Amino acid sequence: QVQLVESGGGLVQAGGSLRLSCAASRSIFSFSVMGWYRQGPGKQRESVATITSGGNPVYADSVKGRFSISRDNAKNTVYLQMNSLKPEDTAVYYCNAKNSWPVINSWGQGTQVTVSS
């Protein structure tokens, strides 16, 4: 497994920006998919954005055009740039690492993002 530590959350006004970082305890170069998920109050955890080892991103419809995911394999870090934030983006954001073999499915502890109207 791998330890993941998120940072960069906070309180921001609607329309503002934040950049989340996810630092891994070891190389992420070979991990199949790295991703960001979120869980809002009273809601189920949902996928926000994922990125493959080849650098191909996939976004939830609700964040397309506003959020951007990237991975820096040299720094063992995945980023989520969030622009034009909306109150409905308020949630705890979790980083995830997945790999097929060896099997890996690791989660970070989460970072709170609160968007005020």
C-alpha atoms as a PDB file:
ATOM      1  CA  GLN A   1       0.000   0.000   0.000  1.00  0.00           C
ATOM      2  CA  VAL A   2       0.918   3.657  -0.054  1.00  0.00           C
ATOM      3  CA  GLN A   3       0.258   6.508   2.351  1.00  0.00           C
ATOM      4  CA  LEU A   4      -1.406   9.565   0.876  1.00  0.00           C
ATOM      5  CA  VAL A   5      -1.516  12.996   2.511  1.00  0.00           C
ATOM      6  CA  GLU A   6      -3.811  15.706   1.171  1.00  0.00           C
ATOM      7  CA  SER A   7      -3.325  19.422   1.708  1.00  0.00           C
ATOM      8  CA  GLY A   8      -4.562  22.713   0.351  1.00  0.00           C
ATOM      9  CA  GLY A   9      -8.154  22.726   1.521  1.00  0.00           C
ATOM     10  CA  GLY A  10      -9.758  25.675   3.206  1.00  0.00           C
ATOM     11  CA  LEU A  11     -12.486  28.289   3.120  1.00  0.00           C
ATOM     12  CA  VAL A  12     -12.984  30.270  -0.066  1.00  0.00           C
ATOM     13  CA  GLN A  13     -15.677  32.500  -1.489  1.00  0.00           C
ATOM     14  CA  ALA A  14     -17.731  31.435  -4.470  1.00  0.00           C
ATOM     15  CA  GLY A  15     -15.828  32.106  -7.668  1.00  0.00           C
ATOM     16  CA  GLY A  16     -12.496  31.607  -5.983  1.00  0.00           C
ATOM     17  CA  SER A  17      -9.782  29.003  -6.508  1.00  0.00           C
ATOM     18  CA  LEU A  18      -7.916  26.399  -4.518  1.00  0.00           C
ATOM     19  CA  ARG A  19      -5.229  23.874  -5.375  1.00  0.00           C
ATOM     20  CA  LEU A  20      -5.223  20.566  -3.574  1.00  0.00           C
ATOM     21  CA  SER A  21      -2.110  18.437  -3.317  1.00  0.00           C
ATOM     22  CA  CYS A  22      -1.776  14.735  -2.585  1.00  0.00           C
ATOM     23  CA  ALA A  23       1.678  13.583  -1.562  1.00  0.00           C
ATOM     24  CA  ALA A  24       2.406   9.865  -1.740  1.00  0.00           C
ATOM     25  CA  SER A  25       4.854   8.012   0.486  1.00  0.00           C
ATOM     26  CA  ARG A  26       6.468   6.318  -2.496  1.00  0.00           C
ATOM     27  CA  SER A  27       6.677   6.450  -6.256  1.00  0.00           C
ATOM     28  CA  ILE A  28       3.371   6.795  -8.075  1.00  0.00           C
ATOM     29  CA  PHE A  29       4.903   6.291 -11.500  1.00  0.00           C
ATOM     30  CA  SER A  30       3.396   2.861 -12.051  1.00  0.00           C
ATOM     31  CA  PHE A  31       0.059   3.378 -10.350  1.00  0.00           C
ATOM     32  CA  SER A  32      -2.756   2.742 -12.798  1.00  0.00           C
ATOM     33  CA  VAL A  33      -5.011   5.541 -11.648  1.00  0.00           C
ATOM     34  CA  MET A  34      -4.731   8.424  -9.229  1.00  0.00           C
ATOM     35  CA  GLY A  35      -7.839  10.341  -8.365  1.00  0.00           C
ATOM     36  CA  TRP A  36      -9.739  12.855  -6.305  1.00  0.00           C
ATOM     37  CA  TYR A  37     -13.076  12.053  -4.723  1.00  0.00           C
ATOM     38  CA  ARG A  38     -15.342  14.112  -2.500  1.00  0.00           C
ATOM     39  CA  GLN A  39     -18.069  13.594   0.041  1.00  0.00           C
ATOM     40  CA  GLY A  40     -20.430  16.444   0.789  1.00  0.00           C
ATOM     41  CA  PRO A  41     -22.671  16.718   3.861  1.00  0.00           C
ATOM     42  CA  GLY A  42     -25.270  13.963   3.758  1.00  0.00           C
ATOM     43  CA  LYS A  43     -24.005  12.706   0.413  1.00  0.00           C
ATOM     44  CA  GLN A  44     -22.185   9.636  -0.836  1.00  0.00           C
ATOM     45  CA  ARG A  45     -18.559   9.813  -1.878  1.00  0.00           C
ATOM     46  CA  GLU A  46     -18.253  10.622  -5.572  1.00  0.00           C
ATOM     47  CA  SER A  47     -15.497  10.744  -8.128  1.00  0.00           C
ATOM     48  CA  VAL A  48     -14.331  14.241  -9.038  1.00  0.00           C
ATOM     49  CA  ALA A  49     -11.364  13.604 -11.317  1.00  0.00           C
ATOM     50  CA  THR A  50      -9.013  10.755 -12.122  1.00  0.00           C
ATOM     51  CA  ILE A  51      -5.815  10.500 -14.118  1.00  0.00           C
ATOM     52  CA  THR A  52      -4.174   7.413 -15.552  1.00  0.00           C
ATOM     53  CA  SER A  53      -0.502   6.539 -15.544  1.00  0.00           C
ATOM     54  CA  GLY A  54      -0.462   7.767 -19.131  1.00  0.00           C
ATOM     55  CA  GLY A  55      -1.775  11.158 -18.068  1.00  0.00           C
ATOM     56  CA  ASN A  56      -5.331  10.819 -19.375  1.00  0.00           C
ATOM     57  CA  PRO A  57      -7.834  12.710 -17.196  1.00  0.00           C
ATOM     58  CA  VAL A  58     -11.508  11.982 -16.609  1.00  0.00           C
ATOM     59  CA  TYR A  59     -13.778  14.513 -14.931  1.00  0.00           C
ATOM     60  CA  ALA A  60     -17.201  14.443 -13.374  1.00  0.00           C
ATOM     61  CA  ASP A  61     -19.673  16.453 -15.424  1.00  0.00           C
ATOM     62  CA  SER A  62     -20.193  18.825 -12.523  1.00  0.00           C
ATOM     63  CA  VAL A  63     -16.568  19.998 -12.562  1.00  0.00           C
ATOM     64  CA  LYS A  64     -15.681  19.903 -16.253  1.00  0.00           C
ATOM     65  CA  GLY A  65     -14.150  23.156 -17.386  1.00  0.00           C
ATOM     66  CA  ARG A  66     -13.507  24.271 -13.800  1.00  0.00           C
ATOM     67  CA  PHE A  67     -11.215  21.644 -12.276  1.00  0.00           C
ATOM     68  CA  SER A  68      -7.952  20.257 -13.589  1.00  0.00           C
ATOM     69  CA  ILE A  69      -6.082  17.183 -12.352  1.00  0.00           C
ATOM     70  CA  SER A  70      -2.390  16.609 -12.882  1.00  0.00           C
ATOM     71  CA  ARG A  71       0.313  14.289 -11.599  1.00  0.00           C
ATOM     72  CA  ASP A  72       3.994  14.952 -11.038  1.00  0.00           C
ATOM     73  CA  ASN A  73       5.611  11.535 -10.919  1.00  0.00           C
ATOM     74  CA  ALA A  74       8.984  13.034  -9.983  1.00  0.00           C
ATOM     75  CA  LYS A  75       7.456  14.541  -6.840  1.00  0.00           C
ATOM     76  CA  ASN A  76       5.092  11.635  -6.150  1.00  0.00           C
ATOM     77  CA  THR A  77       2.286  14.191  -6.040  1.00  0.00           C
ATOM     78  CA  VAL A  78      -1.126  14.608  -7.612  1.00  0.00           C
ATOM     79  CA  TYR A  79      -2.809  17.989  -7.828  1.00  0.00           C
ATOM     80  CA  LEU A  80      -6.351  19.223  -8.246  1.00  0.00           C
ATOM     81  CA  GLN A  81      -6.671  22.806  -9.429  1.00  0.00           C
ATOM     82  CA  MET A  82     -10.160  24.056  -8.642  1.00  0.00           C
ATOM     83  CA  ASN A  83     -11.386  27.280 -10.241  1.00  0.00           C
ATOM     84  CA  SER A  84     -14.741  29.041 -10.255  1.00  0.00           C
ATOM     85  CA  LEU A  85     -15.705  27.266  -7.072  1.00  0.00           C
ATOM     86  CA  LYS A  86     -19.366  26.977  -6.150  1.00  0.00           C
ATOM     87  CA  PRO A  87     -21.042  26.377  -2.777  1.00  0.00           C
ATOM     88  CA  GLU A  88     -22.038  22.913  -3.997  1.00  0.00           C
ATOM     89  CA  ASP A  89     -18.336  22.036  -4.236  1.00  0.00           C
ATOM     90  CA  THR A  90     -18.208  22.096  -0.432  1.00  0.00           C
ATOM     91  CA  ALA A  91     -17.039  18.668   0.705  1.00  0.00           C
ATOM     92  CA  VAL A  92     -14.211  16.655   2.151  1.00  0.00           C
ATOM     93  CA  TYR A  93     -11.861  15.851  -0.716  1.00  0.00           C
ATOM     94  CA  TYR A  94     -10.002  12.548  -0.695  1.00  0.00           C
ATOM     95  CA  CYS A  95      -7.056  11.370  -2.727  1.00  0.00           C
ATOM     96  CA  ASN A  96      -7.001   7.799  -4.012  1.00  0.00           C
ATOM     97  CA  ALA A  97      -4.390   5.556  -5.575  1.00  0.00           C
ATOM     98  CA  LYS A  98      -5.289   2.411  -7.482  1.00  0.00           C
ATOM     99  CA  ASN A  99      -3.202  -0.267  -9.102  1.00  0.00           C
ATOM    100  CA  SER A 100      -4.126  -3.606 -10.633  1.00  0.00           C
ATOM    101  CA  TRP A 101      -0.996  -5.553  -9.699  1.00  0.00           C
ATOM    102  CA  PRO A 102       0.169  -5.437  -7.073  1.00  0.00           C
ATOM    103  CA  VAL A 103      -3.315  -4.601  -5.908  1.00  0.00           C
ATOM    104  CA  ILE A 104      -3.460  -1.149  -4.368  1.00  0.00           C
ATOM    105  CA  ASN A 105      -6.468   0.890  -3.291  1.00  0.00           C
ATOM    106  CA  SER A 106      -5.294   3.518  -0.838  1.00  0.00           C
ATOM    107  CA  TRP A 107      -7.074   6.609   0.512  1.00  0.00           C
ATOM    108  CA  GLY A 108      -5.836   9.742   2.176  1.00  0.00           C
ATOM    109  CA  GLN A 109      -7.386  11.207   5.305  1.00  0.00           C
ATOM    110  CA  GLY A 110      -9.199  13.950   3.408  1.00  0.00           C
ATOM    111  CA  THR A 111      -9.067  17.734   3.326  1.00  0.00           C
ATOM    112  CA  GLN A 112     -12.041  20.022   3.885  1.00  0.00           C
ATOM    113  CA  VAL A 113     -13.068  22.471   1.188  1.00  0.00           C
ATOM    114  CA  THR A 114     -15.749  24.992   2.101  1.00  0.00           C
ATOM    115  CA  VAL A 115     -17.123  27.434  -0.450  1.00  0.00           C
ATOM    116  CA  SER A 116     -19.176  30.310   0.911  1.00  0.00           C
ATOM    117  CA  SER A 117     -21.846  32.085  -1.131  1.00  0.00           C
END
